[in-house]
Amino acid sequence: MADDDADTRPNVLFVLTDQERYDCSAPDGPPVETPATDRLSSEGMRFERAFTPISICSSARASLLTGQFPHGHGMLNNCHEPDAIRVNLPDDLPTFSEELVAAGYDLTYTGKWHAGRDQTPADFGFSYLGGSDKHHDDIDEAFREYRKERGVPVGEADLEEVIYTGDDPRDGSEGTFVAAKTSVDIEDTRAYFLAERTIDAIEGHADGDRDGPFFHRADFYGPHHPYVVPEPYASMYDPDEIDPPPSYAETYDGKPQVHANYLAYRGVTGFDWDLWAEAIAKYWGFVTLIDHQLERILETLEEQGLAAETAVIHASDHGDFAGSHRQFNKGPLMYDDTYHIPLHVRWPGVADGGSTCETPVHLHDLAATFLEMADVPAPDSFDSRSLVPLLENGGDVPDDGDWRDSTFAQYHGDEFGLYSQRMVRTNRYKYVYNGPDIDELYDLEADPAELHNLIDHPEYDEVRRDMRDRLVEWMHETDDPNRAWVTEVLENAS
């Protein structure tokens, strides 16, 4: 650790969005306005191949905290559900936050938690500053009190243009709430409130006794459904100008049966493109609403004179189908729509402005990254590799370095019970092992929409064998408890 009298370690502002798609802020993505994220890219590094280790909230967030793949920390599905495999993380499991506290960082936290039913950020070294959501955490009443003081209690806003899943998309008596326009002002939204609390934290760090650097984590509730946004965001994007993505042509031919089943399970069998376009317009509006709040936060860093000494990281826990493959939300479908995530790092003096990184990385690599920023060694328990060498080298692997050319992910089921999946992805190919059903193989160069499962295609025999070998290597390297069974199954497969 650096000497306390001349601590040159950076402050860290970590902004985690909830269920944000990679393409929303990608240069070649849809026309979504993301000025703050674009600024982070122009002043820092954009990671083009960042992936979540699992596409479900609690599991991904637990991986981020512990630096482990989900099978390591054991929180395999959402902790708030009655069928949660693990409701809290083990007390003796090292986390990046506790290591940072021990190294002299001042940790604060606003917003969504969802990485423990009974635990809170305070159990992992953070000072929690409010903004929780009852469904996920119910940590405090801060946002509800804020709304009462503003004269617009939570639940009393008028909603228009509502969309629900089920037989009647305008009937809120059944189904899941998908999207709507709300009558409240921007200042009444949870996104604005969380930005305010983050701004308060930054100002507090600037004004306080700064013997050591700070780490602030801002977890936004969105653009996770329901996509409920006020004007001008509710009408910012015209549904009539939104075209179906290529994957909307999905037929599910040659795919695992659960893919087609999920249309009914999520209640979107009857959704046509006009309805999806209406929902996507609200989703994009939600993305822009949050981005504008990030813009306010970045301006505060500048106003407080902290921008030059603060590393800013933006990522998402996972993506969102939002109509791709005609699906809603997420689930046992390991498409890039939910596994490919945005990741931007602005670190003045280290990450080159306007640089990109094509090296494959995982969301939970940030755990080891935060620790290297703080001059703290990563615990042996971490399945996490620091991104600092990539940031220091323009996104390229250093000459004396070595990096995997693939990413590894898994899924264990959510509300409907266990469903074992493993996935390995290179730049060109993706292989998905489905325990209960047919496996999947996609040629991402020829078929970026992942419409054609090539698992039985004779011209891809060698690719299939290579990708299966890669998967087995990942499982053994990370001590995946399914490695013995899956290895034997794949060795005997054709």
Protein backbone atom coordinates (compact mmCIF):
# COMPACT_ATOMS: atom_id res chain seq x y z
CA MET A 1 0.00 0.00 0.00
CA ALA A 2 1.15 3.54 -0.68
CA ASP A 3 2.49 5.62 2.19
CA ASP A 4 -0.37 7.36 4.04
CA ASP A 5 1.45 10.72 3.86
CA ALA A 6 1.53 10.59 0.07
CA ASP A 7 -1.32 8.34 -0.92
CA THR A 8 -1.45 8.37 -4.71
CA ARG A 9 -4.03 5.61 -5.02
CA PRO A 10 -7.11 6.73 -6.98
CA ASN A 11 -10.57 7.35 -5.66
CA VAL A 12 -13.01 4.99 -7.35
CA LEU A 13 -16.56 5.77 -8.49
CA PHE A 14 -18.26 2.57 -9.58
CA VAL A 15 -21.62 2.90 -11.33
CA LEU A 16 -23.51 -0.35 -11.84
CA THR A 17 -26.69 -0.35 -13.89
CA ASP A 18 -29.28 -3.09 -13.68
CA GLN A 19 -30.01 -5.13 -16.79
CA GLU A 20 -28.47 -2.74 -19.33
CA ARG A 21 -27.74 -4.13 -22.78
CA TYR A 22 -24.28 -3.77 -24.29
CA ASP A 23 -25.58 -2.40 -27.58
CA CYS A 24 -27.31 0.64 -26.05
CA SER A 25 -23.99 2.43 -25.62
CA ALA A 26 -22.04 0.70 -28.40
CA PRO A 27 -20.88 2.90 -31.32
CA ASP A 28 -22.71 0.70 -33.82
CA GLY A 29 -25.75 0.13 -31.61
CA PRO A 30 -29.27 1.56 -31.77
CA PRO A 31 -29.80 5.35 -31.64
CA VAL A 32 -29.90 5.62 -27.85
CA GLU A 33 -28.62 8.88 -26.36
CA THR A 34 -25.89 8.12 -23.81
CA PRO A 35 -23.77 11.30 -23.57
CA ALA A 36 -22.20 10.45 -20.18
CA THR A 37 -21.24 6.93 -21.21
CA ASP A 38 -19.93 8.26 -24.52
CA ARG A 39 -17.81 10.70 -22.54
CA LEU A 40 -16.35 7.90 -20.43
CA SER A 41 -15.45 6.11 -23.66
CA SER A 42 -13.87 9.18 -25.23
CA GLU A 43 -11.88 9.95 -22.07
CA GLY A 44 -11.08 6.36 -21.15
CA MET A 45 -11.38 2.77 -22.35
CA ARG A 46 -14.38 0.90 -23.70
CA PHE A 47 -14.33 -2.89 -23.36
CA GLU A 48 -15.86 -4.52 -26.41
CA ARG A 49 -15.88 -8.08 -25.06
CA ALA A 50 -17.03 -7.85 -21.45
CA PHE A 51 -19.40 -10.57 -20.25
CA THR A 52 -21.27 -11.37 -17.09
CA PRO A 53 -20.52 -14.76 -15.50
CA ILE A 54 -24.27 -15.33 -15.09
CA SER A 55 -27.39 -13.54 -16.25
CA ILE A 56 -29.33 -13.22 -13.01
CA CYS A 57 -29.12 -10.38 -10.50
CA SER A 58 -28.12 -11.87 -7.14
CA SER A 59 -25.65 -14.33 -8.62
CA ALA A 60 -23.90 -11.72 -10.79
CA ARG A 61 -23.71 -9.23 -7.93
CA ALA A 62 -22.34 -11.85 -5.58
CA SER A 63 -19.67 -12.71 -8.18
CA LEU A 64 -18.74 -9.05 -8.46
CA LEU A 65 -18.37 -8.79 -4.69
CA THR A 66 -16.44 -12.05 -4.16
CA GLY A 67 -14.46 -12.24 -7.42
CA GLN A 68 -15.79 -15.78 -7.91
CA PHE A 69 -17.89 -17.57 -10.48
CA PRO A 70 -21.32 -18.42 -9.04
CA HIS A 71 -20.49 -22.06 -8.34
CA GLY A 72 -17.74 -20.74 -6.03
CA HIS A 73 -19.81 -18.41 -3.86
CA GLY A 74 -22.94 -20.57 -4.04
CA MET A 75 -25.58 -17.86 -4.58
CA LEU A 76 -26.89 -19.59 -7.68
CA ASN A 77 -30.23 -17.80 -8.06
CA ASN A 78 -32.00 -14.73 -6.71
CA CYS A 79 -31.71 -14.48 -2.94
CA HIS A 80 -35.15 -12.91 -2.40
CA GLU A 81 -37.07 -15.81 -3.97
CA PRO A 82 -38.56 -18.56 -1.77
CA ASP A 83 -36.55 -21.18 -3.67
CA ALA A 84 -33.22 -19.39 -3.20
CA ILE A 85 -30.35 -21.88 -3.02
CA ARG A 86 -28.39 -19.52 -0.77
CA VAL A 87 -29.98 -16.45 0.82
CA ASN A 88 -26.74 -14.94 2.15
CA LEU A 89 -23.05 -15.18 1.34
CA PRO A 90 -20.84 -17.16 3.73
CA ASP A 91 -19.31 -14.94 6.42
CA ASP A 92 -15.79 -16.20 5.78
CA LEU A 93 -15.77 -15.52 2.02
CA PRO A 94 -13.33 -12.69 1.10
CA THR A 95 -14.81 -9.69 -0.73
CA PHE A 96 -13.12 -6.82 -2.52
CA SER A 97 -14.96 -4.29 -0.36
CA GLU A 98 -13.69 -5.66 2.94
CA GLU A 99 -10.18 -5.78 1.53
CA LEU A 100 -10.48 -2.12 0.49
CA VAL A 101 -11.64 -1.10 3.97
CA ALA A 102 -8.66 -2.89 5.49
CA ALA A 103 -6.42 -0.99 3.05
CA GLY A 104 -7.71 2.40 4.21
CA TYR A 105 -10.43 3.19 1.68
CA ASP A 106 -13.61 4.98 2.77
CA LEU A 107 -16.50 3.03 1.23
CA THR A 108 -20.00 4.38 0.56
CA TYR A 109 -22.93 2.85 -1.30
CA THR A 110 -26.24 3.99 -2.76
CA GLY A 111 -29.04 2.04 -4.41
CA LYS A 112 -29.75 -1.55 -5.23
CA TRP A 113 -28.09 -4.33 -3.26
CA HIS A 114 -29.69 -7.75 -3.95
CA ALA A 115 -26.68 -9.82 -2.88
CA GLY A 116 -28.07 -11.16 0.38
CA ARG A 117 -31.51 -11.47 1.92
CA ASP A 118 -30.48 -10.49 5.45
CA GLN A 119 -27.10 -8.95 4.75
CA THR A 120 -26.68 -5.34 3.64
CA PRO A 121 -23.77 -3.33 2.20
CA ALA A 122 -22.87 -2.44 5.79
CA ASP A 123 -21.99 -6.09 6.39
CA PHE A 124 -19.29 -5.78 3.72
CA GLY A 125 -17.62 -2.54 4.74
CA PHE A 126 -19.83 0.07 3.06
CA SER A 127 -21.63 3.00 4.65
CA TYR A 128 -25.09 2.68 3.09
CA LEU A 129 -26.62 6.01 2.06
CA GLY A 130 -30.09 4.92 0.97
CA GLY A 131 -32.18 4.27 -2.08
CA SER A 132 -33.16 0.62 -1.70
CA ASP A 133 -36.14 -1.02 -3.31
CA LYS A 134 -38.60 -3.03 -1.22
CA HIS A 135 -38.88 -5.90 -3.68
CA HIS A 136 -35.17 -6.56 -3.70
CA ASP A 137 -33.83 -5.44 -0.34
CA ASP A 138 -36.03 -3.24 1.84
CA ILE A 139 -32.87 -1.90 3.49
CA ASP A 140 -34.34 1.49 4.34
CA GLU A 141 -37.16 3.96 3.72
CA ALA A 142 -35.04 6.75 2.27
CA PHE A 143 -36.60 6.97 -1.19
CA ARG A 144 -40.15 6.60 0.09
CA GLU A 145 -39.51 9.41 2.59
CA TYR A 146 -38.02 11.53 -0.18
CA ARG A 147 -41.14 11.10 -2.29
CA LYS A 148 -43.44 11.90 0.63
CA GLU A 149 -41.54 15.12 1.26
CA ARG A 150 -41.95 16.05 -2.39
CA GLY A 151 -45.70 15.45 -2.15
CA VAL A 152 -45.71 12.49 -4.53
CA PRO A 153 -45.76 9.31 -2.39
CA VAL A 154 -44.53 6.14 -4.06
CA GLY A 155 -47.47 4.35 -5.65
CA GLU A 156 -49.60 7.44 -6.17
CA ALA A 157 -48.31 8.51 -9.56
CA ASP A 158 -50.58 8.31 -12.61
CA LEU A 159 -49.48 5.78 -15.21
CA GLU A 160 -50.27 5.85 -18.92
CA GLU A 161 -49.37 3.63 -21.88
CA VAL A 162 -49.06 0.66 -19.54
CA ILE A 163 -47.90 -2.72 -20.76
CA TYR A 164 -48.22 -5.98 -18.86
CA THR A 165 -47.43 -9.56 -19.78
CA GLY A 166 -50.34 -11.96 -20.24
CA ASP A 167 -53.36 -12.19 -22.48
CA ASP A 168 -54.30 -8.51 -22.16
CA PRO A 169 -51.23 -6.26 -22.21
CA ARG A 170 -53.25 -3.32 -20.81
CA ASP A 171 -54.70 -5.28 -17.86
CA GLY A 172 -52.72 -4.85 -14.68
CA SER A 173 -54.71 -7.41 -12.71
CA GLU A 174 -52.43 -10.20 -13.87
CA GLY A 175 -49.02 -10.63 -15.40
CA THR A 176 -45.77 -8.76 -14.95
CA PHE A 177 -45.51 -4.98 -15.22
CA VAL A 178 -43.39 -4.24 -18.31
CA ALA A 179 -43.51 -0.51 -19.10
CA ALA A 180 -45.38 2.77 -18.68
CA LYS A 181 -45.20 6.54 -18.75
CA THR A 182 -45.36 8.08 -15.29
CA SER A 183 -46.76 11.47 -14.38
CA VAL A 184 -43.99 12.35 -11.91
CA ASP A 185 -41.22 14.84 -12.56
CA ILE A 186 -37.66 13.73 -13.32
CA GLU A 187 -36.70 14.84 -9.80
CA ASP A 188 -39.18 12.32 -8.37
CA THR A 189 -37.60 9.30 -10.05
CA ARG A 190 -35.44 6.84 -8.19
CA ALA A 191 -32.68 7.42 -10.73
CA TYR A 192 -32.57 11.13 -9.89
CA PHE A 193 -32.68 10.35 -6.15
CA LEU A 194 -29.77 7.91 -6.41
CA ALA A 195 -27.75 10.47 -8.33
CA GLU A 196 -28.50 13.02 -5.59
CA ARG A 197 -27.30 10.62 -2.90
CA THR A 198 -24.17 9.88 -4.93
CA ILE A 199 -23.52 13.60 -5.37
CA ASP A 200 -23.95 14.03 -1.61
CA ALA A 201 -21.39 11.26 -1.04
CA ILE A 202 -18.87 12.82 -3.42
CA GLU A 203 -19.27 16.22 -1.79
CA GLY A 204 -18.94 14.60 1.62
CA HIS A 205 -15.71 12.88 0.61
CA ALA A 206 -14.38 16.15 -0.77
CA ASP A 207 -15.24 18.12 2.36
CA GLY A 208 -14.29 15.49 4.92
CA ASP A 209 -11.05 14.32 6.50
CA ARG A 210 -9.44 12.68 3.47
CA ASP A 211 -6.60 10.69 4.99
CA GLY A 212 -7.34 7.94 2.49
CA PRO A 213 -9.09 7.64 -0.88
CA PHE A 214 -12.77 6.83 -1.29
CA PHE A 215 -14.69 4.14 -3.12
CA HIS A 216 -18.30 4.94 -3.90
CA ARG A 217 -20.67 2.46 -5.49
CA ALA A 218 -23.88 3.72 -7.13
CA ASP A 219 -26.27 0.93 -8.12
CA PHE A 220 -29.11 2.18 -10.29
CA TYR A 221 -32.47 0.39 -10.47
CA GLY A 222 -32.70 0.26 -14.18
CA PRO A 223 -33.11 -0.08 -17.00
CA HIS A 224 -34.52 -3.28 -15.44
CA HIS A 225 -38.26 -3.64 -15.97
CA PRO A 226 -40.69 -2.14 -15.34
CA TYR A 227 -39.50 0.49 -17.79
CA VAL A 228 -41.37 3.35 -16.14
CA VAL A 229 -40.14 6.80 -17.18
CA PRO A 230 -41.45 10.37 -17.12
CA GLU A 231 -41.38 12.89 -19.91
CA PRO A 232 -39.36 13.76 -21.89
CA TYR A 233 -37.95 10.21 -21.78
CA ALA A 234 -41.31 8.47 -22.26
CA SER A 235 -41.68 9.93 -25.75
CA MET A 236 -38.00 10.44 -26.60
CA TYR A 237 -37.96 7.41 -28.90
CA ASP A 238 -40.70 6.80 -31.46
CA PRO A 239 -41.84 3.15 -31.54
CA ASP A 240 -42.71 3.56 -35.23
CA GLU A 241 -39.04 4.23 -35.96
CA ILE A 242 -37.73 1.16 -34.12
CA ASP A 243 -37.03 -1.80 -36.37
CA PRO A 244 -37.04 -5.42 -35.17
CA PRO A 245 -33.55 -6.77 -34.43
CA PRO A 246 -32.38 -9.65 -36.65
CA SER A 247 -32.96 -12.10 -33.78
CA TYR A 248 -36.67 -11.26 -33.79
CA ALA A 249 -36.91 -13.78 -36.67
CA GLU A 250 -36.32 -16.54 -34.10
CA THR A 251 -38.19 -19.80 -34.82
CA TYR A 252 -36.61 -21.94 -32.04
CA ASP A 253 -36.05 -24.74 -34.56
CA GLY A 254 -33.20 -26.93 -33.35
CA LYS A 255 -33.03 -25.07 -30.02
CA PRO A 256 -33.59 -26.39 -26.49
CA GLN A 257 -37.31 -26.65 -25.75
CA VAL A 258 -37.06 -24.25 -22.83
CA HIS A 259 -36.49 -21.38 -25.28
CA ALA A 260 -39.97 -21.71 -26.75
CA ASN A 261 -41.43 -22.55 -23.34
CA TYR A 262 -40.13 -19.28 -21.96
CA LEU A 263 -42.42 -17.24 -24.19
CA ALA A 264 -45.38 -18.62 -22.26
CA TYR A 265 -43.53 -18.64 -18.93
CA ARG A 266 -42.77 -14.93 -19.25
CA GLY A 267 -46.23 -14.21 -20.66
CA VAL A 268 -45.17 -12.70 -23.98
CA THR A 269 -46.46 -15.31 -26.43
CA GLY A 270 -49.01 -12.83 -27.76
CA PHE A 271 -46.70 -9.82 -28.02
CA ASP A 272 -46.47 -8.51 -31.59
CA TRP A 273 -43.77 -6.17 -32.86
CA ASP A 274 -45.84 -3.02 -32.31
CA LEU A 275 -46.12 -3.86 -28.63
CA TRP A 276 -42.44 -4.75 -28.35
CA ALA A 277 -41.46 -1.49 -30.07
CA GLU A 278 -43.54 0.44 -27.55
CA ALA A 279 -41.80 -1.35 -24.68
CA ILE A 280 -38.33 -0.93 -26.21
CA ALA A 281 -38.93 2.81 -26.63
CA LYS A 282 -39.50 3.02 -22.86
CA TYR A 283 -36.43 0.85 -22.21
CA TRP A 284 -34.27 3.17 -24.29
CA GLY A 285 -35.80 6.14 -22.49
CA PHE A 286 -34.84 4.54 -19.18
CA VAL A 287 -31.26 4.09 -20.38
CA THR A 288 -31.05 7.77 -21.32
CA LEU A 289 -32.65 8.89 -18.04
CA ILE A 290 -29.99 7.05 -16.06
CA ASP A 291 -27.22 8.27 -18.34
CA HIS A 292 -28.29 11.86 -17.75
CA GLN A 293 -28.02 11.22 -14.00
CA LEU A 294 -24.52 9.86 -14.53
CA GLU A 295 -23.76 13.10 -16.36
CA ARG A 296 -24.73 15.05 -13.22
CA ILE A 297 -22.44 12.85 -11.13
CA LEU A 298 -19.48 13.36 -13.47
CA GLU A 299 -20.03 17.11 -13.36
CA THR A 300 -19.91 16.96 -9.55
CA LEU A 301 -16.53 15.23 -9.66
CA GLU A 302 -15.23 18.12 -11.74
CA GLU A 303 -16.83 20.79 -9.57
CA GLN A 304 -15.25 19.24 -6.47
CA GLY A 305 -11.84 19.04 -8.12
CA LEU A 306 -11.79 15.24 -7.91
CA ALA A 307 -12.02 14.18 -11.57
CA ALA A 308 -8.26 13.91 -12.13
CA GLU A 309 -7.75 11.63 -9.12
CA THR A 310 -10.85 9.46 -9.50
CA ALA A 311 -11.23 6.33 -11.62
CA VAL A 312 -14.80 6.02 -12.94
CA ILE A 313 -16.10 2.60 -13.92
CA HIS A 314 -19.48 1.89 -15.49
CA ALA A 315 -20.80 -1.62 -15.99
CA SER A 316 -24.04 -3.61 -15.79
CA ASP A 317 -24.77 -6.82 -13.92
CA HIS A 318 -26.22 -8.35 -17.13
CA GLY A 319 -28.32 -7.43 -20.14
CA ASP A 320 -31.99 -7.64 -21.10
CA PHE A 321 -33.77 -9.38 -23.95
CA ALA A 322 -36.15 -6.44 -24.57
CA GLY A 323 -37.77 -8.28 -27.47
CA SER A 324 -34.67 -9.89 -28.95
CA HIS A 325 -35.44 -13.53 -29.81
CA ARG A 326 -38.99 -12.35 -28.95
CA GLN A 327 -38.13 -12.81 -25.27
CA PHE A 328 -38.70 -10.74 -22.14
CA ASN A 329 -36.36 -10.31 -19.18
CA LYS A 330 -33.76 -13.12 -18.99
CA GLY A 331 -33.52 -16.85 -18.31
CA PRO A 332 -31.93 -20.11 -19.49
CA LEU A 333 -31.05 -18.65 -22.89
CA MET A 334 -27.37 -17.79 -23.08
CA TYR A 335 -27.56 -15.25 -25.88
CA ASP A 336 -25.35 -12.16 -26.02
CA ASP A 337 -28.43 -10.00 -25.37
CA THR A 338 -28.17 -10.83 -21.67
CA TYR A 339 -24.52 -11.96 -21.30
CA HIS A 340 -22.67 -9.22 -23.21
CA ILE A 341 -22.41 -6.17 -20.95
CA PRO A 342 -21.20 -2.57 -21.21
CA LEU A 343 -17.92 -1.78 -19.45
CA HIS A 344 -16.22 1.63 -19.54
CA VAL A 345 -13.24 2.77 -17.48
CA ARG A 346 -11.99 6.33 -17.22
CA TRP A 347 -8.79 6.43 -15.20
CA PRO A 348 -6.85 9.65 -15.83
CA GLY A 349 -3.17 9.06 -16.43
CA VAL A 350 -3.62 5.33 -16.91
CA ALA A 351 -6.32 4.49 -19.48
CA ASP A 352 -5.83 6.20 -22.83
CA GLY A 353 -8.74 8.37 -23.93
CA GLY A 354 -10.77 6.90 -26.76
CA SER A 355 -9.14 3.47 -26.45
CA THR A 356 -10.89 0.14 -26.86
CA CYS A 357 -10.11 -3.29 -25.50
CA GLU A 358 -11.02 -6.41 -27.47
CA THR A 359 -9.58 -8.80 -24.89
CA PRO A 360 -12.34 -10.96 -23.37
CA VAL A 361 -13.06 -10.09 -19.74
CA HIS A 362 -15.64 -10.89 -17.06
CA LEU A 363 -17.72 -8.60 -14.88
CA HIS A 364 -16.19 -10.03 -11.72
CA ASP A 365 -12.69 -9.24 -13.00
CA LEU A 366 -13.50 -5.82 -11.55
CA ALA A 367 -13.08 -7.26 -8.04
CA ALA A 368 -9.37 -7.90 -8.62
CA THR A 369 -9.11 -4.64 -10.60
CA PHE A 370 -10.36 -2.56 -7.68
CA LEU A 371 -7.83 -4.23 -5.41
CA GLU A 372 -4.88 -3.65 -7.75
CA MET A 373 -5.91 0.00 -8.03
CA ALA A 374 -5.58 0.07 -4.23
CA ASP A 375 -2.24 -1.79 -4.21
CA VAL A 376 -3.90 -4.75 -2.50
CA PRO A 377 -3.25 -8.37 -3.56
CA ALA A 378 -6.32 -10.35 -4.58
CA PRO A 379 -7.29 -13.20 -2.22
CA ASP A 380 -6.51 -16.72 -3.41
CA SER A 381 -10.24 -17.44 -3.52
CA PHE A 382 -10.78 -15.00 -6.43
CA ASP A 383 -11.54 -16.35 -9.93
CA SER A 384 -10.92 -12.77 -11.00
CA ARG A 385 -8.14 -11.22 -13.04
CA SER A 386 -7.22 -7.56 -12.73
CA LEU A 387 -7.83 -5.41 -15.79
CA VAL A 388 -5.09 -2.95 -14.79
CA PRO A 389 -2.49 -4.42 -17.22
CA LEU A 390 -4.97 -3.96 -20.06
CA LEU A 391 -5.78 -0.41 -18.96
CA GLU A 392 -2.09 0.44 -18.80
CA ASN A 393 -1.36 -1.07 -22.21
CA GLY A 394 -3.99 0.49 -24.44
CA GLY A 395 -6.30 -2.52 -24.13
CA ASP A 396 -3.75 -5.02 -25.38
CA VAL A 397 -2.31 -7.90 -23.38
CA PRO A 398 1.25 -6.92 -22.36
CA ASP A 399 4.08 -8.76 -24.12
CA ASP A 400 4.99 -10.55 -20.91
CA GLY A 401 1.30 -11.28 -20.15
CA ASP A 402 -0.98 -14.12 -20.99
CA TRP A 403 -4.77 -14.05 -21.27
CA ARG A 404 -7.51 -16.47 -22.13
CA ASP A 405 -9.10 -15.90 -25.54
CA SER A 406 -12.53 -16.93 -24.28
CA THR A 407 -15.04 -16.20 -21.54
CA PHE A 408 -16.88 -18.67 -19.34
CA ALA A 409 -20.43 -18.35 -18.00
CA GLN A 410 -23.04 -20.45 -16.29
CA TYR A 411 -26.67 -20.57 -15.28
CA HIS A 412 -28.42 -22.57 -12.60
CA GLY A 413 -32.10 -21.64 -12.92
CA ASP A 414 -34.17 -18.91 -11.33
CA GLU A 415 -37.86 -19.03 -10.37
CA PHE A 416 -38.69 -22.37 -11.98
CA GLY A 417 -36.05 -24.65 -10.46
CA LEU A 418 -32.56 -25.78 -11.31
CA TYR A 419 -31.45 -25.89 -14.95
CA SER A 420 -27.75 -26.49 -15.41
CA GLN A 421 -25.97 -24.60 -18.19
CA ARG A 422 -22.36 -23.77 -19.00
CA MET A 423 -21.10 -21.57 -21.81
CA VAL A 424 -17.76 -20.79 -23.41
CA ARG A 425 -17.45 -17.97 -25.93
CA THR A 426 -14.58 -16.95 -28.19
CA ASN A 427 -14.64 -14.04 -30.61
CA ARG A 428 -15.99 -16.31 -33.34
CA TYR A 429 -17.90 -19.13 -31.65
CA LYS A 430 -20.20 -19.81 -28.73
CA TYR A 431 -20.85 -23.23 -27.22
CA VAL A 432 -23.57 -23.85 -24.64
CA TYR A 433 -23.80 -27.03 -22.61
CA ASN A 434 -27.42 -27.67 -21.63
CA GLY A 435 -27.67 -30.42 -19.03
CA PRO A 436 -31.36 -31.25 -19.68
CA ASP A 437 -31.48 -30.76 -23.46
CA ILE A 438 -29.62 -30.33 -26.75
CA ASP A 439 -26.43 -28.29 -26.66
CA GLU A 440 -25.91 -25.16 -28.76
CA LEU A 441 -23.15 -23.99 -31.09
CA TYR A 442 -23.19 -20.65 -32.88
CA ASP A 443 -20.89 -19.17 -35.51
CA LEU A 444 -21.03 -15.54 -34.39
CA GLU A 445 -19.28 -14.28 -37.51
CA ALA A 446 -21.77 -15.86 -39.90
CA ASP A 447 -24.75 -15.61 -37.55
CA PRO A 448 -24.38 -12.74 -35.05
CA ALA A 449 -28.08 -12.99 -34.17
CA GLU A 450 -27.53 -16.56 -32.93
CA LEU A 451 -30.47 -17.95 -34.88
CA HIS A 452 -28.91 -21.17 -36.21
CA ASN A 453 -27.82 -23.89 -33.81
CA LEU A 454 -24.95 -25.74 -35.50
CA ILE A 455 -24.39 -28.34 -32.83
CA ASP A 456 -25.10 -31.22 -35.24
CA HIS A 457 -23.73 -29.60 -38.39
CA PRO A 458 -21.07 -31.93 -39.87
CA GLU A 459 -18.90 -29.05 -41.11
CA TYR A 460 -18.49 -27.85 -37.52
CA ASP A 461 -17.30 -31.14 -35.99
CA GLU A 462 -13.81 -29.82 -35.28
CA VAL A 463 -15.15 -26.54 -33.88
CA ARG A 464 -17.54 -28.43 -31.62
CA ARG A 465 -14.72 -30.59 -30.24
CA ASP A 466 -12.49 -27.56 -29.68
CA MET A 467 -15.20 -25.59 -27.90
CA ARG A 468 -16.05 -28.55 -25.68
CA ASP A 469 -12.38 -28.88 -24.76
CA ARG A 470 -12.29 -25.19 -23.88
CA LEU A 471 -15.35 -25.58 -21.69
CA VAL A 472 -13.85 -28.52 -19.83
CA GLU A 473 -10.65 -26.52 -19.26
CA TRP A 474 -12.63 -23.66 -17.75
CA MET A 475 -14.57 -26.02 -15.50
CA HIS A 476 -11.43 -27.70 -14.21
CA GLU A 477 -9.56 -24.41 -13.79
CA THR A 478 -12.37 -22.95 -11.66
CA ASP A 479 -13.13 -26.15 -9.71
CA ASP A 480 -16.65 -26.29 -11.10
CA PRO A 481 -18.40 -29.07 -9.12
CA ASN A 482 -20.03 -30.33 -12.34
CA ARG A 483 -16.69 -30.82 -14.09
CA ALA A 484 -16.41 -34.59 -13.60
CA TRP A 485 -19.92 -35.30 -14.83
CA VAL A 486 -19.82 -32.86 -17.75
CA THR A 487 -16.34 -33.98 -18.84
CA GLU A 488 -17.52 -37.59 -19.04
CA VAL A 489 -20.68 -36.62 -20.90
CA LEU A 490 -18.77 -34.57 -23.48
CA GLU A 491 -16.09 -37.22 -23.94
CA ASN A 492 -18.80 -39.69 -24.86
CA ALA A 493 -20.69 -37.25 -27.06
CA SER A 494 -20.34 -37.39 -30.82
